[in-house]
């Protein structure tokens, strides 16, 4: 394994031509890390919002399902009881049967909306993963570039730039996920 030589006099102006370009590269990488982290946080927030909306829809679905079963029970009871007023009973039975139909159709719409929210949440999760990966890779690139200032080895600077490029591509992939 090659030995890394550390130079302690970096605070002094000793004419190292790498200080300025490497410092500029580090500054650019730091800005990119901040931007990608911000995008990642925003996407995670949207993901949590969609999860909350999906959960609300499923709770609404469950409430409608409970009402549906109550109405079905009413229809069944009105169908088997011996009523004193058959016409009134039949009118009530028809009313509750209409409610059963309404709750059944509402349930399907609510379920579809909940599934739509879950689908959006899953997409946002995949996007957030790309931004998180880009952020992590850019942070590694930043650290590797900073090693150049300690060692005066251009190879670390080039490696940091290369890894930074990979981080940028990973972050940009977050915008391309559909």
C-alpha atoms as a PDB file:
ATOM      1  CA  UNK A   1       0.000   0.000   0.000  1.00  0.00           C
ATOM      2  CA  UNK A   2       1.488   3.383  -0.925  1.00  0.00           C
ATOM      3  CA  UNK A   3       2.438   5.652   1.924  1.00  0.00           C
ATOM      4  CA  UNK A   4       0.676   8.976   2.238  1.00  0.00           C
ATOM      5  CA  UNK A   5       2.931  11.872   3.094  1.00  0.00           C
ATOM      6  CA  UNK A   6       1.250  14.657   5.089  1.00  0.00           C
ATOM      7  CA  UNK A   7       2.538  18.224   4.812  1.00  0.00           C
ATOM      8  CA  UNK A   8       1.884  20.444   7.826  1.00  0.00           C
ATOM      9  CA  UNK A   9       2.779  23.844   6.357  1.00  0.00           C
ATOM     10  CA  UNK A  10      -0.426  24.332   4.345  1.00  0.00           C
ATOM     11  CA  UNK A  11      -1.332  27.502   6.196  1.00  0.00           C
ATOM     12  CA  UNK A  12       1.781  29.144   4.841  1.00  0.00           C
ATOM     13  CA  UNK A  13       2.080  30.391   1.308  1.00  0.00           C
ATOM     14  CA  UNK A  14       4.714  27.994  -0.016  1.00  0.00           C
ATOM     15  CA  UNK A  15       3.681  28.168  -3.644  1.00  0.00           C
ATOM     16  CA  UNK A  16       1.631  24.964  -3.909  1.00  0.00           C
ATOM     17  CA  UNK A  17      -0.193  25.288  -7.250  1.00  0.00           C
ATOM     18  CA  UNK A  18      -2.880  22.778  -6.135  1.00  0.00           C
ATOM     19  CA  UNK A  19      -4.272  24.865  -3.268  1.00  0.00           C
ATOM     20  CA  UNK A  20      -6.428  27.173  -5.354  1.00  0.00           C
ATOM     21  CA  UNK A  21      -7.972  24.649  -7.815  1.00  0.00           C
ATOM     22  CA  UNK A  22      -8.505  22.033  -5.110  1.00  0.00           C
ATOM     23  CA  UNK A  23     -10.074  24.604  -2.778  1.00  0.00           C
ATOM     24  CA  UNK A  24     -12.368  25.712  -5.573  1.00  0.00           C
ATOM     25  CA  UNK A  25     -13.298  22.089  -6.301  1.00  0.00           C
ATOM     26  CA  UNK A  26     -14.014  21.513  -2.601  1.00  0.00           C
ATOM     27  CA  UNK A  27     -16.201  24.628  -2.508  1.00  0.00           C
ATOM     28  CA  UNK A  28     -18.168  23.476  -5.555  1.00  0.00           C
ATOM     29  CA  UNK A  29     -18.600  19.991  -4.077  1.00  0.00           C
ATOM     30  CA  UNK A  30     -19.806  21.510  -0.787  1.00  0.00           C
ATOM     31  CA  UNK A  31     -22.443  23.559  -2.625  1.00  0.00           C
ATOM     32  CA  UNK A  32     -23.535  20.476  -4.568  1.00  0.00           C
ATOM     33  CA  UNK A  33     -23.777  18.450  -1.347  1.00  0.00           C
ATOM     34  CA  UNK A  34     -25.989  21.147   0.176  1.00  0.00           C
ATOM     35  CA  UNK A  35     -28.218  21.337  -2.909  1.00  0.00           C
ATOM     36  CA  UNK A  36     -28.621  17.571  -3.191  1.00  0.00           C
ATOM     37  CA  UNK A  37     -29.287  17.272   0.556  1.00  0.00           C
ATOM     38  CA  UNK A  38     -31.997  19.930   0.254  1.00  0.00           C
ATOM     39  CA  UNK A  39     -33.632  18.076  -2.633  1.00  0.00           C
ATOM     40  CA  UNK A  40     -33.450  14.832  -0.691  1.00  0.00           C
ATOM     41  CA  UNK A  41     -35.108  16.406   2.352  1.00  0.00           C
ATOM     42  CA  UNK A  42     -37.883  17.877   0.235  1.00  0.00           C
ATOM     43  CA  UNK A  43     -38.591  14.581  -1.468  1.00  0.00           C
ATOM     44  CA  UNK A  44     -38.623  12.764   1.887  1.00  0.00           C
ATOM     45  CA  UNK A  45     -41.148  15.333   3.166  1.00  0.00           C
ATOM     46  CA  UNK A  46     -43.362  14.744   0.131  1.00  0.00           C
ATOM     47  CA  UNK A  47     -43.011  10.998   0.659  1.00  0.00           C
ATOM     48  CA  UNK A  48     -44.233  11.322   4.254  1.00  0.00           C
ATOM     49  CA  UNK A  49     -47.117  13.511   3.129  1.00  0.00           C
ATOM     50  CA  UNK A  50     -48.234  10.898   0.587  1.00  0.00           C
ATOM     51  CA  UNK A  51     -47.975   8.177   3.243  1.00  0.00           C
ATOM     52  CA  UNK A  52     -50.177  10.245   5.540  1.00  0.00           C
ATOM     53  CA  UNK A  53     -52.687  10.847   2.761  1.00  0.00           C
ATOM     54  CA  UNK A  54     -52.766   7.135   1.923  1.00  0.00           C
ATOM     55  CA  UNK A  55     -53.314   6.265   5.590  1.00  0.00           C
ATOM     56  CA  UNK A  56     -56.149   8.793   5.794  1.00  0.00           C
ATOM     57  CA  UNK A  57     -57.748   7.283   2.694  1.00  0.00           C
ATOM     58  CA  UNK A  58     -57.512   3.774   4.127  1.00  0.00           C
ATOM     59  CA  UNK A  59     -59.116   4.968   7.381  1.00  0.00           C
ATOM     60  CA  UNK A  60     -61.890   6.567   5.325  1.00  0.00           C
ATOM     61  CA  UNK A  61     -62.225   3.323   3.362  1.00  0.00           C
ATOM     62  CA  UNK A  62     -62.580   1.392   6.602  1.00  0.00           C
ATOM     63  CA  UNK A  63     -65.239   3.807   7.896  1.00  0.00           C
ATOM     64  CA  UNK A  64     -67.203   3.404   4.659  1.00  0.00           C
ATOM     65  CA  UNK A  65     -66.818  -0.358   4.879  1.00  0.00           C
ATOM     66  CA  UNK A  66     -68.229  -0.365   8.412  1.00  0.00           C
ATOM     67  CA  UNK A  67     -71.190   1.760   7.268  1.00  0.00           C
ATOM     68  CA  UNK A  68     -71.708  -0.586   4.322  1.00  0.00           C
ATOM     69  CA  UNK A  69     -71.927  -3.594   6.626  1.00  0.00           C
ATOM     70  CA  UNK A  70     -74.350  -1.739   8.914  1.00  0.00           C
ATOM     71  CA  UNK A  71     -76.602  -0.964   5.942  1.00  0.00           C
ATOM     72  CA  UNK A  72     -76.385  -4.553   4.671  1.00  0.00           C
ATOM     73  CA  UNK A  73     -77.406  -5.762   8.117  1.00  0.00           C
ATOM     74  CA  UNK A  74     -80.363  -3.365   8.111  1.00  0.00           C
ATOM     75  CA  UNK A  75     -81.474  -4.582   4.669  1.00  0.00           C
ATOM     76  CA  UNK A  76     -81.191  -8.196   5.814  1.00  0.00           C
ATOM     77  CA  UNK A  77     -83.127  -7.539   9.030  1.00  0.00           C
ATOM     78  CA  UNK A  78     -85.882  -5.685   7.216  1.00  0.00           C
ATOM     79  CA  UNK A  79     -86.141  -8.591   4.797  1.00  0.00           C
ATOM     80  CA  UNK A  80     -86.631 -11.289   7.407  1.00  0.00           C
ATOM     81  CA  UNK A  81     -88.702  -9.572  10.095  1.00  0.00           C
ATOM     82  CA  UNK A  82     -92.470  -9.836  10.004  1.00  0.00           C
ATOM     83  CA  UNK A  83     -93.405  -6.163   9.736  1.00  0.00           C
ATOM     84  CA  UNK A  84     -96.611  -4.590  10.997  1.00  0.00           C
ATOM     85  CA  UNK A  85     -96.446  -2.030   8.169  1.00  0.00           C
ATOM     86  CA  UNK A  86     -95.162  -3.904   5.084  1.00  0.00           C
ATOM     87  CA  UNK A  87     -95.160  -0.841   2.803  1.00  0.00           C
ATOM     88  CA  UNK A  88     -93.125   1.263   5.257  1.00  0.00           C
ATOM     89  CA  UNK A  89     -90.775  -1.630   5.795  1.00  0.00           C
ATOM     90  CA  UNK A  90     -90.263  -2.069   2.055  1.00  0.00           C
ATOM     91  CA  UNK A  91     -89.592   1.667   1.642  1.00  0.00           C
ATOM     92  CA  UNK A  92     -87.018   1.514   4.434  1.00  0.00           C
ATOM     93  CA  UNK A  93     -85.477  -1.588   2.914  1.00  0.00           C
ATOM     94  CA  UNK A  94     -85.173   0.146  -0.483  1.00  0.00           C
ATOM     95  CA  UNK A  95     -83.651   3.214   1.191  1.00  0.00           C
ATOM     96  CA  UNK A  96     -81.021   1.115   2.945  1.00  0.00           C
ATOM     97  CA  UNK A  97     -80.388  -0.915  -0.222  1.00  0.00           C
ATOM     98  CA  UNK A  98     -79.639   2.357  -2.048  1.00  0.00           C
ATOM     99  CA  UNK A  99     -77.215   3.270   0.747  1.00  0.00           C
ATOM    100  CA  UNK A 100     -75.545  -0.120   0.345  1.00  0.00           C
ATOM    101  CA  UNK A 101     -75.020   0.610  -3.359  1.00  0.00           C
ATOM    102  CA  UNK A 102     -73.676   4.098  -2.618  1.00  0.00           C
ATOM    103  CA  UNK A 103     -71.227   2.867   0.027  1.00  0.00           C
ATOM    104  CA  UNK A 104     -70.073   0.075  -2.271  1.00  0.00           C
ATOM    105  CA  UNK A 105     -69.226   2.486  -5.080  1.00  0.00           C
ATOM    106  CA  UNK A 106     -67.659   5.026  -2.664  1.00  0.00           C
ATOM    107  CA  UNK A 107     -65.448   2.306  -1.251  1.00  0.00           C
ATOM    108  CA  UNK A 108     -63.962   1.510  -4.642  1.00  0.00           C
ATOM    109  CA  UNK A 109     -63.170   5.166  -5.349  1.00  0.00           C
ATOM    110  CA  UNK A 110     -61.583   5.615  -1.941  1.00  0.00           C
ATOM    111  CA  UNK A 111     -59.513   2.463  -2.362  1.00  0.00           C
ATOM    112  CA  UNK A 112     -58.297   3.651  -5.770  1.00  0.00           C
ATOM    113  CA  UNK A 113     -57.310   7.035  -4.313  1.00  0.00           C
ATOM    114  CA  UNK A 114     -55.423   5.370  -1.454  1.00  0.00           C
ATOM    115  CA  UNK A 115     -53.564   3.140  -3.901  1.00  0.00           C
ATOM    116  CA  UNK A 116     -52.721   6.219  -5.999  1.00  0.00           C
ATOM    117  CA  UNK A 117     -51.217   7.921  -2.938  1.00  0.00           C
ATOM    118  CA  UNK A 118     -49.221   4.774  -2.170  1.00  0.00           C
ATOM    119  CA  UNK A 119     -47.942   4.648  -5.730  1.00  0.00           C
ATOM    120  CA  UNK A 120     -46.842   8.297  -5.519  1.00  0.00           C
ATOM    121  CA  UNK A 121     -45.199   7.571  -2.165  1.00  0.00           C
ATOM    122  CA  UNK A 122     -43.254   4.667  -3.656  1.00  0.00           C
ATOM    123  CA  UNK A 123     -42.066   6.840  -6.546  1.00  0.00           C
ATOM    124  CA  UNK A 124     -40.967   9.562  -4.135  1.00  0.00           C
ATOM    125  CA  UNK A 125     -39.140   6.957  -2.061  1.00  0.00           C
ATOM    126  CA  UNK A 126     -37.164   5.835  -5.102  1.00  0.00           C
ATOM    127  CA  UNK A 127     -36.355   9.456  -5.948  1.00  0.00           C
ATOM    128  CA  UNK A 128     -35.247  10.149  -2.383  1.00  0.00           C
ATOM    129  CA  UNK A 129     -32.956   7.112  -2.500  1.00  0.00           C
ATOM    130  CA  UNK A 130     -31.209   8.580  -5.552  1.00  0.00           C
ATOM    131  CA  UNK A 131     -30.762  11.956  -3.877  1.00  0.00           C
ATOM    132  CA  UNK A 132     -29.452  10.290  -0.708  1.00  0.00           C
ATOM    133  CA  UNK A 133     -26.969   8.254  -2.728  1.00  0.00           C
ATOM    134  CA  UNK A 134     -25.850  11.354  -4.615  1.00  0.00           C
ATOM    135  CA  UNK A 135     -25.386  13.235  -1.359  1.00  0.00           C
ATOM    136  CA  UNK A 136     -23.301  10.471   0.185  1.00  0.00           C
ATOM    137  CA  UNK A 137     -21.113  10.074  -2.892  1.00  0.00           C
ATOM    138  CA  UNK A 138     -20.571  13.841  -3.143  1.00  0.00           C
ATOM    139  CA  UNK A 139     -19.536  13.934   0.524  1.00  0.00           C
ATOM    140  CA  UNK A 140     -16.984  11.193  -0.126  1.00  0.00           C
ATOM    141  CA  UNK A 141     -15.681  13.153  -3.132  1.00  0.00           C
ATOM    142  CA  UNK A 142     -15.332  16.245  -0.974  1.00  0.00           C
ATOM    143  CA  UNK A 143     -13.284  14.378   1.622  1.00  0.00           C
ATOM    144  CA  UNK A 144     -11.067  12.763  -1.004  1.00  0.00           C
ATOM    145  CA  UNK A 145     -10.416  16.157  -2.630  1.00  0.00           C
ATOM    146  CA  UNK A 146      -9.455  17.601   0.745  1.00  0.00           C
ATOM    147  CA  UNK A 147      -6.842  14.857   1.170  1.00  0.00           C
ATOM    148  CA  UNK A 148      -5.060  16.483  -1.780  1.00  0.00           C
ATOM    149  CA  UNK A 149      -4.330  19.520   0.364  1.00  0.00           C
ATOM    150  CA  UNK A 150      -2.786  17.322   3.038  1.00  0.00           C
ATOM    151  CA  UNK A 151      -0.708  15.161   0.725  1.00  0.00           C
ATOM    152  CA  UNK A 152       0.030  17.320  -2.339  1.00  0.00           C
ATOM    153  CA  UNK A 153      -0.948  14.308  -4.510  1.00  0.00           C
ATOM    154  CA  UNK A 154      -2.952  15.185  -7.621  1.00  0.00           C
ATOM    155  CA  UNK A 155      -4.334  11.658  -7.757  1.00  0.00           C
ATOM    156  CA  UNK A 156      -6.635  12.425  -4.803  1.00  0.00           C
ATOM    157  CA  UNK A 157      -7.917  15.561  -6.532  1.00  0.00           C
ATOM    158  CA  UNK A 158      -8.631  13.653  -9.750  1.00  0.00           C
ATOM    159  CA  UNK A 159     -10.265  10.829  -7.822  1.00  0.00           C
ATOM    160  CA  UNK A 160     -12.409  13.339  -5.918  1.00  0.00           C
ATOM    161  CA  UNK A 161     -13.508  14.987  -9.165  1.00  0.00           C
ATOM    162  CA  UNK A 162     -14.333  11.596 -10.685  1.00  0.00           C
ATOM    163  CA  UNK A 163     -16.283  10.464  -7.616  1.00  0.00           C
ATOM    164  CA  UNK A 164     -18.024  13.856  -7.546  1.00  0.00           C
ATOM    165  CA  UNK A 165     -19.145  13.257 -11.123  1.00  0.00           C
ATOM    166  CA  UNK A 166     -20.619   9.928 -10.076  1.00  0.00           C
ATOM    167  CA  UNK A 167     -22.399  11.691  -7.204  1.00  0.00           C
ATOM    168  CA  UNK A 168     -23.848  14.278  -9.566  1.00  0.00           C
ATOM    169  CA  UNK A 169     -25.109  11.546 -11.906  1.00  0.00           C
ATOM    170  CA  UNK A 170     -26.666   9.677  -8.958  1.00  0.00           C
ATOM    171  CA  UNK A 171     -28.395  12.846  -7.774  1.00  0.00           C
ATOM    172  CA  UNK A 172     -29.627  13.736 -11.261  1.00  0.00           C
ATOM    173  CA  UNK A 173     -31.115  10.249 -11.488  1.00  0.00           C
ATOM    174  CA  UNK A 174     -33.514  11.377  -8.766  1.00  0.00           C
ATOM    175  CA  UNK A 175     -35.115  13.730 -11.280  1.00  0.00           C
ATOM    176  CA  UNK A 176     -35.380  10.992 -13.903  1.00  0.00           C
ATOM    177  CA  UNK A 177     -37.184   8.358 -11.819  1.00  0.00           C
ATOM    178  CA  UNK A 178     -40.766   7.916 -13.028  1.00  0.00           C
END
